[in-house]
N, C-alpha and C. Protein backbone atom coordinates (compact mmCIF):
# COMPACT_ATOMS: atom_id res chain seq x y z
N MET A 1 -24.63 -12.49 -37.89
CA MET A 1 -25.50 -12.41 -36.75
C MET A 1 -25.02 -13.46 -35.67
N ARG A 2 -24.89 -15.15 -36.33
CA ARG A 2 -24.73 -15.89 -35.73
C ARG A 2 -22.90 -15.83 -35.48
N ILE A 3 -21.92 -15.38 -35.89
CA ILE A 3 -20.99 -15.08 -35.54
C ILE A 3 -20.66 -14.22 -34.61
N ASN A 4 -21.26 -12.83 -34.31
CA ASN A 4 -21.46 -12.12 -33.24
C ASN A 4 -21.87 -12.65 -31.72
N THR A 5 -22.68 -13.53 -32.20
CA THR A 5 -23.47 -14.10 -30.87
C THR A 5 -22.78 -15.02 -30.38
N ALA A 6 -22.00 -16.28 -31.68
CA ALA A 6 -20.62 -16.83 -30.69
C ALA A 6 -19.49 -15.88 -30.05
N LEU A 7 -19.44 -15.23 -30.98
CA LEU A 7 -18.27 -14.34 -30.17
C LEU A 7 -18.90 -13.78 -28.62
N THR A 8 -20.01 -13.27 -28.75
CA THR A 8 -20.27 -13.01 -27.71
C THR A 8 -20.25 -13.98 -26.22
N ASN A 9 -20.80 -14.98 -26.92
CA ASN A 9 -20.73 -16.33 -25.68
C ASN A 9 -19.47 -16.62 -25.46
N ALA A 10 -18.69 -16.60 -26.65
CA ALA A 10 -17.31 -17.42 -26.16
C ALA A 10 -16.50 -16.20 -24.93
N ALA A 11 -16.73 -14.57 -25.39
CA ALA A 11 -16.43 -13.69 -24.45
C ALA A 11 -16.71 -13.61 -22.98
N THR A 12 -17.89 -13.84 -22.93
CA THR A 12 -18.60 -14.54 -21.59
C THR A 12 -18.15 -15.30 -21.05
N LEU A 13 -17.22 -16.37 -21.94
CA LEU A 13 -16.48 -17.48 -20.94
C LEU A 13 -15.45 -17.18 -20.76
N LEU A 14 -14.52 -16.52 -21.48
CA LEU A 14 -13.29 -16.13 -21.44
C LEU A 14 -13.21 -15.03 -20.27
N PHE A 15 -14.27 -14.16 -20.11
CA PHE A 15 -14.19 -13.40 -18.69
C PHE A 15 -14.86 -13.32 -18.03
N ASN A 16 -15.81 -14.42 -17.53
CA ASN A 16 -16.17 -14.60 -16.82
C ASN A 16 -15.79 -15.03 -15.22
N ASN A 17 -15.69 -14.67 -14.37
CA ASN A 17 -15.26 -14.85 -13.05
C ASN A 17 -14.98 -16.39 -12.42
N SER A 18 -16.42 -17.02 -12.83
CA SER A 18 -16.96 -18.82 -12.60
C SER A 18 -15.96 -19.42 -13.91
N SER A 19 -15.34 -18.69 -14.58
CA SER A 19 -14.88 -19.55 -16.00
C SER A 19 -13.16 -20.34 -15.18
N PRO A 20 -13.33 -21.59 -15.73
CA PRO A 20 -12.49 -22.33 -15.76
C PRO A 20 -10.88 -21.93 -16.12
N PHE A 21 -10.68 -21.53 -16.89
CA PHE A 21 -9.98 -21.21 -17.75
C PHE A 21 -9.06 -19.70 -17.46
N THR A 22 -10.25 -18.74 -16.20
CA THR A 22 -9.71 -17.64 -15.97
C THR A 22 -8.53 -17.58 -15.11
N PRO A 23 -7.84 -18.48 -14.78
CA PRO A 23 -6.98 -18.28 -13.90
C PRO A 23 -5.75 -18.38 -15.18
N PHE A 24 -5.90 -19.02 -15.83
CA PHE A 24 -4.68 -19.28 -16.74
C PHE A 24 -4.79 -18.23 -18.32
N LEU A 25 -5.69 -17.73 -18.21
CA LEU A 25 -5.14 -16.39 -19.03
C LEU A 25 -5.28 -15.07 -18.02
N PHE A 26 -5.68 -15.12 -17.22
CA PHE A 26 -5.70 -13.15 -16.55
C PHE A 26 -5.33 -13.93 -15.20
N PRO A 27 -3.84 -14.48 -14.55
CA PRO A 27 -3.09 -14.71 -14.05
C PRO A 27 -3.40 -13.32 -12.69
N ARG A 28 -3.35 -13.61 -11.57
CA ARG A 28 -3.55 -12.50 -10.48
C ARG A 28 -1.76 -12.33 -10.28
N HIS A 29 -1.45 -11.00 -9.68
CA HIS A 29 -0.30 -10.97 -9.16
C HIS A 29 -0.19 -11.71 -8.03
N SER A 30 1.01 -12.57 -7.69
CA SER A 30 0.68 -12.98 -6.07
C SER A 30 2.30 -13.00 -5.75
N SER A 31 3.01 -12.08 -5.20
CA SER A 31 4.82 -12.10 -5.14
C SER A 31 5.32 -10.75 -3.79
N THR A 32 5.37 -10.89 -3.60
CA THR A 32 6.19 -10.84 -2.88
C THR A 32 6.82 -10.04 -2.44
N ASN A 33 6.94 -10.06 -3.95
CA ASN A 33 9.00 -9.05 -4.05
C ASN A 33 8.38 -7.48 -5.33
N LEU A 34 8.52 -6.84 -5.16
CA LEU A 34 8.46 -5.47 -5.20
C LEU A 34 9.66 -4.78 -6.43
N PHE A 35 9.21 -3.91 -7.56
CA PHE A 35 9.66 -3.72 -8.46
C PHE A 35 10.09 -2.51 -7.86
N VAL A 36 10.98 -1.52 -7.28
CA VAL A 36 10.25 -0.08 -7.26
C VAL A 36 12.04 1.24 -8.24
N ALA A 37 10.72 1.66 -8.91
CA ALA A 37 12.09 2.66 -9.99
C ALA A 37 11.74 3.78 -9.58
N GLY A 38 12.83 4.80 -10.33
CA GLY A 38 12.71 6.01 -10.40
C GLY A 38 13.18 6.30 -9.25
N LEU A 39 14.54 6.04 -8.34
CA LEU A 39 15.00 5.68 -7.42
C LEU A 39 15.64 7.26 -7.52
N SER A 40 15.50 8.04 -6.47
CA SER A 40 16.71 9.12 -6.28
C SER A 40 17.92 8.37 -6.47
N TYR A 41 19.15 8.70 -6.91
CA TYR A 41 20.29 8.42 -6.98
C TYR A 41 20.61 8.74 -5.52
N ASP A 42 20.85 8.96 -4.90
CA ASP A 42 20.98 9.43 -2.86
C ASP A 42 20.38 8.00 -2.09
N THR A 43 19.14 7.90 -2.84
CA THR A 43 18.16 6.62 -2.05
C THR A 43 19.38 5.50 -1.76
N ASN A 44 18.86 5.16 -0.42
CA ASN A 44 20.13 3.97 0.23
C ASN A 44 18.77 2.91 0.72
N GLU A 45 19.44 2.09 0.70
CA GLU A 45 18.63 0.66 1.17
C GLU A 45 18.03 0.42 2.49
N THR A 46 18.71 1.97 3.02
CA THR A 46 17.71 2.04 4.83
C THR A 46 16.60 2.77 4.67
N VAL A 47 16.94 4.08 3.28
CA VAL A 47 15.70 4.69 3.50
C VAL A 47 14.71 3.95 2.89
N LEU A 48 14.66 2.76 1.66
CA LEU A 48 13.59 2.26 0.81
C LEU A 48 13.15 0.99 2.08
N ARG A 49 14.28 0.75 2.45
CA ARG A 49 13.41 0.01 3.96
C ARG A 49 12.42 0.04 4.85
N ASP A 50 13.15 1.99 5.14
CA ASP A 50 12.20 2.58 6.17
C ASP A 50 11.20 3.28 5.63
N ALA A 51 11.02 3.35 4.51
CA ALA A 51 9.46 3.42 3.28
C ALA A 51 8.54 3.01 3.19
N PHE A 52 8.86 1.42 2.80
CA PHE A 52 8.11 0.59 3.01
C PHE A 52 7.79 -0.56 4.00
N GLY A 53 8.60 0.04 4.91
CA GLY A 53 8.74 -0.99 6.06
C GLY A 53 7.33 -0.92 7.17
N GLN A 54 6.82 0.12 6.68
CA GLN A 54 5.13 0.67 7.63
C GLN A 54 4.57 0.17 7.00
N TYR A 55 4.91 -1.51 5.94
CA TYR A 55 3.40 -1.87 5.02
C TYR A 55 3.48 -3.38 5.88
N GLY A 56 4.44 -3.42 6.41
CA GLY A 56 4.80 -5.07 6.75
C GLY A 56 6.07 -5.35 7.11
N GLN A 57 6.35 -6.57 7.39
CA GLN A 57 7.58 -7.23 7.45
C GLN A 57 8.59 -7.41 6.80
N ILE A 58 9.64 -6.89 5.92
CA ILE A 58 10.88 -6.87 4.80
C ILE A 58 11.55 -8.38 5.23
N ILE A 59 11.99 -8.80 4.11
CA ILE A 59 12.97 -9.92 4.08
C ILE A 59 14.20 -9.47 4.03
N GLU A 60 13.70 -8.49 2.75
CA GLU A 60 15.22 -8.11 2.22
C GLU A 60 15.32 -6.98 1.28
N VAL A 61 16.06 -5.91 0.83
CA VAL A 61 15.66 -4.81 0.21
C VAL A 61 17.10 -4.74 -0.49
N LYS A 62 17.04 -4.25 -1.86
CA LYS A 62 18.56 -4.50 -2.31
C LYS A 62 18.26 -3.08 -3.53
N VAL A 63 18.95 -2.20 -3.31
CA VAL A 63 19.45 -1.13 -4.15
C VAL A 63 20.09 -1.82 -5.44
N ILE A 64 20.01 -1.05 -6.91
CA ILE A 64 20.69 -2.24 -7.38
C ILE A 64 21.89 -0.80 -7.87
N CYS A 65 23.11 -1.51 -8.29
CA CYS A 65 24.20 0.08 -7.95
C CYS A 65 25.15 -0.32 -9.56
N ASP A 66 25.89 0.31 -9.66
CA ASP A 66 26.82 1.03 -10.60
C ASP A 66 27.90 -0.07 -10.48
N ARG A 67 28.70 -1.59 -10.85
CA ARG A 67 29.74 -2.02 -10.28
C ARG A 67 31.20 -1.08 -10.07
N VAL A 68 31.03 -0.29 -11.37
CA VAL A 68 32.33 0.45 -11.25
C VAL A 68 32.11 1.48 -10.47
N THR A 69 31.32 2.76 -10.13
CA THR A 69 30.67 3.45 -9.54
C THR A 69 30.29 3.02 -8.15
N GLY A 70 29.74 2.20 -7.89
CA GLY A 70 28.92 2.14 -6.50
C GLY A 70 27.72 2.97 -6.89
N LYS A 71 27.57 3.52 -7.83
CA LYS A 71 26.52 4.79 -7.75
C LYS A 71 25.09 4.03 -7.81
N SER A 72 24.07 4.29 -7.10
CA SER A 72 22.62 3.81 -7.46
C SER A 72 22.41 3.94 -8.94
N LYS A 73 21.64 2.70 -9.43
CA LYS A 73 21.23 3.08 -11.00
C LYS A 73 20.27 3.68 -11.12
N GLY A 74 18.84 3.69 -10.15
CA GLY A 74 17.90 4.06 -9.89
C GLY A 74 16.48 3.54 -9.52
N TYR A 75 17.00 1.61 -9.09
CA TYR A 75 15.34 1.09 -8.92
C TYR A 75 16.23 0.14 -8.07
N GLY A 76 14.90 -0.66 -7.82
CA GLY A 76 15.55 -1.16 -6.72
C GLY A 76 14.52 -2.41 -5.94
N PHE A 77 14.60 -3.25 -5.71
CA PHE A 77 13.67 -4.56 -4.74
C PHE A 77 13.38 -4.38 -3.58
N VAL A 78 11.86 -4.84 -3.27
CA VAL A 78 11.82 -4.80 -1.71
C VAL A 78 10.86 -5.87 -2.06
N ARG A 79 11.73 -7.01 -0.71
CA ARG A 79 10.62 -8.17 -0.63
C ARG A 79 9.93 -8.49 0.34
N PHE A 80 8.87 -8.85 0.61
CA PHE A 80 8.01 -8.85 2.38
C PHE A 80 8.20 -10.12 1.96
N ILE A 81 7.66 -10.48 3.82
CA ILE A 81 7.40 -11.43 3.83
C ILE A 81 5.70 -12.24 3.69
N ALA A 82 4.56 -11.38 3.44
CA ALA A 82 3.19 -11.51 3.08
C ALA A 82 3.22 -10.61 1.97
N GLU A 83 2.12 -11.77 1.28
CA GLU A 83 1.72 -11.40 -0.34
C GLU A 83 0.65 -10.18 0.10
N THR A 84 0.24 -10.00 1.20
CA THR A 84 -0.64 -9.05 1.28
C THR A 84 0.15 -7.33 1.48
N SER A 85 1.61 -7.98 2.45
CA SER A 85 2.49 -6.79 2.82
C SER A 85 2.93 -6.21 1.61
N ALA A 86 2.72 -6.77 0.52
CA ALA A 86 3.79 -6.68 -1.09
C ALA A 86 2.18 -5.92 -1.27
N ALA A 87 1.45 -5.96 -1.50
CA ALA A 87 0.03 -5.53 -2.11
C ALA A 87 0.09 -4.33 -1.58
N THR A 88 -0.20 -4.10 -0.32
CA THR A 88 -0.61 -3.00 0.01
C THR A 88 0.79 -1.71 0.15
N GLY A 89 1.82 -2.59 0.20
CA GLY A 89 3.17 -2.01 -0.06
C GLY A 89 2.92 -1.23 -1.26
N ARG A 90 2.56 -2.24 -2.18
CA ARG A 90 2.83 -1.58 -3.94
C ARG A 90 1.69 -0.47 -3.77
N LYS A 91 0.65 -1.22 -3.44
CA LYS A 91 -0.53 -0.12 -3.95
C LYS A 91 -0.05 1.77 -3.31
N GLU A 92 0.19 1.64 -1.88
CA GLU A 92 0.31 3.48 -1.03
C GLU A 92 1.27 3.15 -1.96
N MET A 93 2.37 2.29 -2.31
CA MET A 93 3.83 3.45 -2.84
C MET A 93 3.65 3.75 -4.29
N HIS A 94 3.10 3.67 -4.52
CA HIS A 94 3.10 3.89 -5.71
C HIS A 94 2.63 5.13 -6.65
N LYS A 95 4.09 5.72 -7.08
CA LYS A 95 3.79 7.68 -7.55
C LYS A 95 3.66 7.88 -6.12
N LYS A 96 4.45 7.67 -4.63
CA LYS A 96 4.37 8.93 -3.51
C LYS A 96 6.14 9.18 -4.29
N ILE A 97 6.18 10.36 -3.67
CA ILE A 97 7.85 11.12 -3.65
C ILE A 97 8.56 10.22 -2.68
N LEU A 98 9.70 9.79 -2.63
CA LEU A 98 10.24 9.34 -1.72
C LEU A 98 12.05 10.31 -2.62
N ASP A 99 12.67 10.40 -1.13
CA ASP A 99 13.53 11.19 -1.77
C ASP A 99 13.75 12.57 -2.58
N GLY A 100 13.05 13.52 -2.47
CA GLY A 100 12.60 14.26 -4.14
C GLY A 100 11.88 13.50 -5.80
N ARG A 101 12.12 12.24 -5.51
CA ARG A 101 11.21 11.59 -6.72
C ARG A 101 10.29 11.63 -6.67
N ARG A 102 9.24 11.03 -7.99
CA ARG A 102 8.52 10.29 -7.82
C ARG A 102 8.23 9.19 -8.27
N ILE A 103 8.69 8.06 -7.21
CA ILE A 103 8.35 6.60 -7.52
C ILE A 103 7.50 5.70 -7.62
N ARG A 104 7.92 4.71 -8.46
CA ARG A 104 6.85 3.69 -9.77
C ARG A 104 7.06 2.45 -8.92
N VAL A 105 5.88 1.44 -8.46
CA VAL A 105 6.33 0.55 -7.52
C VAL A 105 5.16 -0.51 -8.98
N CYS A 106 6.07 -1.83 -8.07
CA CYS A 106 5.09 -2.23 -9.33
C CYS A 106 5.70 -3.73 -8.61
N TYR A 107 5.20 -5.38 -9.35
CA TYR A 107 5.03 -6.62 -8.77
C TYR A 107 6.69 -7.07 -9.77
N ALA A 108 7.68 -7.71 -9.12
CA ALA A 108 8.90 -7.75 -10.03
C ALA A 108 8.93 -9.21 -10.59
N HIS A 109 9.07 -8.73 -11.83
CA HIS A 109 8.73 -10.63 -12.72
C HIS A 109 10.19 -11.63 -12.70
N LYS A 110 10.01 -12.86 -12.47
CA LYS A 110 11.71 -13.50 -12.67
C LYS A 110 12.15 -13.54 -13.69
N GLN A 111 13.70 -13.20 -13.94
CA GLN A 111 14.13 -13.01 -15.11
C GLN A 111 13.91 -14.65 -15.84
N ALA A 112 13.86 -14.75 -17.39
CA ALA A 112 14.20 -15.41 -17.67
C ALA A 112 15.50 -16.03 -17.81
N SER A 113 15.83 -16.91 -17.75
CA SER A 113 16.81 -17.84 -17.48
C SER A 113 17.93 -18.23 -19.00
């Protein structure tokens, strides 16, 4: 019984939003850079910019292409000026149809060196 009470108290401390440990254990995504997967191989940067541009001002759009063939690999990145625009774009565009394909949108993670 003591162990259950101790575990419950520890869980309450960790998962309570007022805990000083919460930002370290559960960091909120605060990024302006979005990863877009599931793109049609015909989707280019102009189409991607037009689709996401309605949610805020965009700094950069990049569709990743094969070096040899120059064709899209089916994913890309959209970087907004503001975090709120990126959050709205992610929420509104996730699982939407773009160029006949259902895309997936999430926050981009920094690549490890």
